[in-house]
Every structure is written in C-alpha cells, then in structure tokens.
C-alpha atoms as a PDB file:
ATOM      1  CA  MET A   1      33.062 -18.457 -27.590  1.00  0.00           C
ATOM      2  CA  LYS A   2      30.663 -17.834 -24.477  1.00  0.00           C
ATOM      3  CA  LYS A   3      29.456 -20.324 -22.842  1.00  0.00           C
ATOM      4  CA  ALA A   4      25.856 -20.391 -21.944  1.00  0.00           C
ATOM      5  CA  VAL A   5      25.223 -19.572 -18.318  1.00  0.00           C
ATOM      6  CA  ALA A   6      21.792 -21.089 -16.849  1.00  0.00           C
ATOM      7  CA  LYS A   7      19.584 -18.293 -15.486  1.00  0.00           C
ATOM      8  CA  LYS A   8      17.711 -18.677 -12.177  1.00  0.00           C
ATOM      9  CA  PRO A   9      13.969 -18.170 -12.917  1.00  0.00           C
ATOM     10  CA  ALA A  10      12.089 -14.827 -11.490  1.00  0.00           C
ATOM     11  CA  PRO A  11      10.924 -15.323  -8.234  1.00  0.00           C
ATOM     12  CA  ALA A  12       6.939 -15.873  -8.031  1.00  0.00           C
ATOM     13  CA  PRO A  13       5.273 -12.564  -7.287  1.00  0.00           C
ATOM     14  CA  ALA A  14       4.033 -12.597  -3.780  1.00  0.00           C
ATOM     15  CA  ALA A  15       0.414 -13.294  -2.746  1.00  0.00           C
ATOM     16  CA  VAL A  16      -1.470 -10.247  -2.721  1.00  0.00           C
ATOM     17  CA  ASP A  17      -2.862  -9.746   1.015  1.00  0.00           C
ATOM     18  CA  PRO A  18      -6.810  -9.434   0.768  1.00  0.00           C
ATOM     19  CA  ARG A  19      -6.495  -6.733   3.392  1.00  0.00           C
ATOM     20  CA  PHE A  20      -4.652  -4.570   1.125  1.00  0.00           C
ATOM     21  CA  ALA A  21      -6.221  -5.354  -2.456  1.00  0.00           C
ATOM     22  CA  HIS A  22      -5.743  -1.757  -3.900  1.00  0.00           C
ATOM     23  CA  GLY A  23      -2.175  -1.493  -3.291  1.00  0.00           C
ATOM     24  CA  SER A  24       0.224   0.260  -0.454  1.00  0.00           C
ATOM     25  CA  LEU A  25      -0.467   3.891  -2.003  1.00  0.00           C
ATOM     26  CA  GLY A  26      -3.276   6.437  -3.023  1.00  0.00           C
ATOM     27  CA  VAL A  27      -3.481   9.972  -4.013  1.00  0.00           C
ATOM     28  CA  LEU A  28      -6.502  11.967  -2.784  1.00  0.00           C
ATOM     29  CA  ASP A  29      -7.173  15.004  -4.631  1.00  0.00           C
ATOM     30  CA  GLY A  30      -9.506  17.798  -3.924  1.00  0.00           C
ATOM     31  CA  ASP A  31     -12.621  16.589  -5.229  1.00  0.00           C
ATOM     32  CA  GLY A  32     -12.686  13.484  -2.910  1.00  0.00           C
ATOM     33  CA  LEU A  33     -11.303  10.822  -5.585  1.00  0.00           C
ATOM     34  CA  LEU A  34      -8.187   8.478  -4.458  1.00  0.00           C
ATOM     35  CA  TYR A  35      -6.071   7.424  -7.351  1.00  0.00           C
ATOM     36  CA  CYS A  36      -4.705   4.165  -6.567  1.00  0.00           C
ATOM     37  CA  ILE A  37      -1.519   2.066  -8.372  1.00  0.00           C
ATOM     38  CA  GLY A  38      -2.958   0.249 -11.636  1.00  0.00           C
ATOM     39  CA  GLY A  39      -5.280   3.144 -12.680  1.00  0.00           C
ATOM     40  CA  LEU A  40      -7.867   2.261  -9.817  1.00  0.00           C
ATOM     41  CA  VAL A  41      -9.865   5.486  -8.611  1.00  0.00           C
ATOM     42  CA  LEU A  42     -11.801   5.317  -5.334  1.00  0.00           C
ATOM     43  CA  ASP A  43     -14.636   7.735  -4.208  1.00  0.00           C
ATOM     44  CA  CYS A  44     -13.680   8.713  -1.085  1.00  0.00           C
ATOM     45  CA  PRO A  45     -16.596   9.811   1.219  1.00  0.00           C
ATOM     46  CA  ALA A  46     -14.628  11.228   4.219  1.00  0.00           C
ATOM     47  CA  ARG A  47     -14.871  14.697   4.922  1.00  0.00           C
ATOM     48  CA  ASN A  48     -12.564  15.071   7.794  1.00  0.00           C
ATOM     49  CA  PHE A  49      -9.184  13.657   8.741  1.00  0.00           C
ATOM     50  CA  ALA A  50     -10.567  11.152  11.350  1.00  0.00           C
ATOM     51  CA  ALA A  51     -13.296   9.899   8.879  1.00  0.00           C
ATOM     52  CA  LEU A  52     -10.384   9.504   6.035  1.00  0.00           C
ATOM     53  CA  VAL A  53      -8.099   7.422   8.246  1.00  0.00           C
ATOM     54  CA  GLU A  54     -11.364   5.235   9.160  1.00  0.00           C
ATOM     55  CA  TRP A  55     -12.245   4.924   5.442  1.00  0.00           C
ATOM     56  CA  THR A  56      -8.576   4.238   4.722  1.00  0.00           C
ATOM     57  CA  LEU A  57      -8.060   1.459   6.957  1.00  0.00           C
ATOM     58  CA  THR A  58     -11.475  -0.182   6.659  1.00  0.00           C
ATOM     59  CA  GLU A  59     -13.063   0.121   3.165  1.00  0.00           C
ATOM     60  CA  ALA A  60     -10.268   1.520   0.784  1.00  0.00           C
ATOM     61  CA  LYS A  61      -8.125  -1.547   1.379  1.00  0.00           C
ATOM     62  CA  LEU A  62      -4.805   0.569   1.378  1.00  0.00           C
ATOM     63  CA  GLY A  63      -1.476  -0.383   3.145  1.00  0.00           C
ATOM     64  CA  THR A  64       1.097  -3.160   3.417  1.00  0.00           C
ATOM     65  CA  PRO A  65       1.457  -6.116   5.713  1.00  0.00           C
ATOM     66  CA  ARG A  66       4.269  -6.156   8.371  1.00  0.00           C
ATOM     67  CA  LEU A  67       7.573  -6.941   7.140  1.00  0.00           C
ATOM     68  CA  ASN A  68       8.449  -9.463   9.766  1.00  0.00           C
ATOM     69  CA  ARG A  69       6.221 -11.340  12.651  1.00  0.00           C
ATOM     70  CA  ASN A  70       7.954  -9.019  15.183  1.00  0.00           C
ATOM     71  CA  GLY A  71       8.145  -5.491  13.226  1.00  0.00           C
ATOM     72  CA  LYS A  72       6.028  -3.104  12.870  1.00  0.00           C
ATOM     73  CA  ASP A  73       3.452  -2.622   9.851  1.00  0.00           C
ATOM     74  CA  GLY A  74       5.124  -1.542   6.708  1.00  0.00           C
ATOM     75  CA  ASP A  75       3.067   1.493   6.356  1.00  0.00           C
ATOM     76  CA  ARG A  76       3.589   2.713   9.747  1.00  0.00           C
ATOM     77  CA  ALA A  77       6.201   5.302  10.400  1.00  0.00           C
ATOM     78  CA  SER A  78       9.082   4.792  12.588  1.00  0.00           C
ATOM     79  CA  GLY A  79       8.494   8.237  14.745  1.00  0.00           C
ATOM     80  CA  ARG A  80      11.655   9.835  14.152  1.00  0.00           C
ATOM     81  CA  GLY A  81      11.417  13.133  12.864  1.00  0.00           C
ATOM     82  CA  LEU A  82       7.381  13.338  13.010  1.00  0.00           C
ATOM     83  CA  ARG A  83       7.070  15.075  16.274  1.00  0.00           C
ATOM     84  CA  GLY A  84       4.722  17.998  15.684  1.00  0.00           C
END
C-alpha cells in the first residue's frame, strides 16, 4: 500500500513588471508586424535600426527585469562572442 505524500503547492506566478507587459520576446516580420508571446501582434512604426531599438525600449514594452539587483538586465548580452 502506498502512503499519501503531501505535495507542496505550486509557487505563485511572479508579478508582471509593467515595463515589460508584452513579454520578453517578439518576432518582427518584413511587413513591420511584431509577433509577441500570447498571440499579441504590434505594428512597429520603425523603419531603421536605431528607431527599432528606441521603439522596443520605450513603447513596445518588451524585455526582462534584472535577475538580481547587482546584475545586468536579463535581456542584455554578456558581450562574449558578440564582437563584430
């Protein structure tokens, strides 16, 4: 006979940071549409790379918070292997 084992309750989902309300990832197609997690589709008005970066950081609400207060933002690369 098997004993009943008490299971730990699942952890509560982390609160969504309002700065990153649309998630951490989006895919931009050639027509200027950004497909986000959960089926959200945003119209990207940017027509060059600099405008795309600015729009992503200010209006698109994409990214991730810092993993800890002393670390880098979760969506920043470490710099290793990215030299061009």
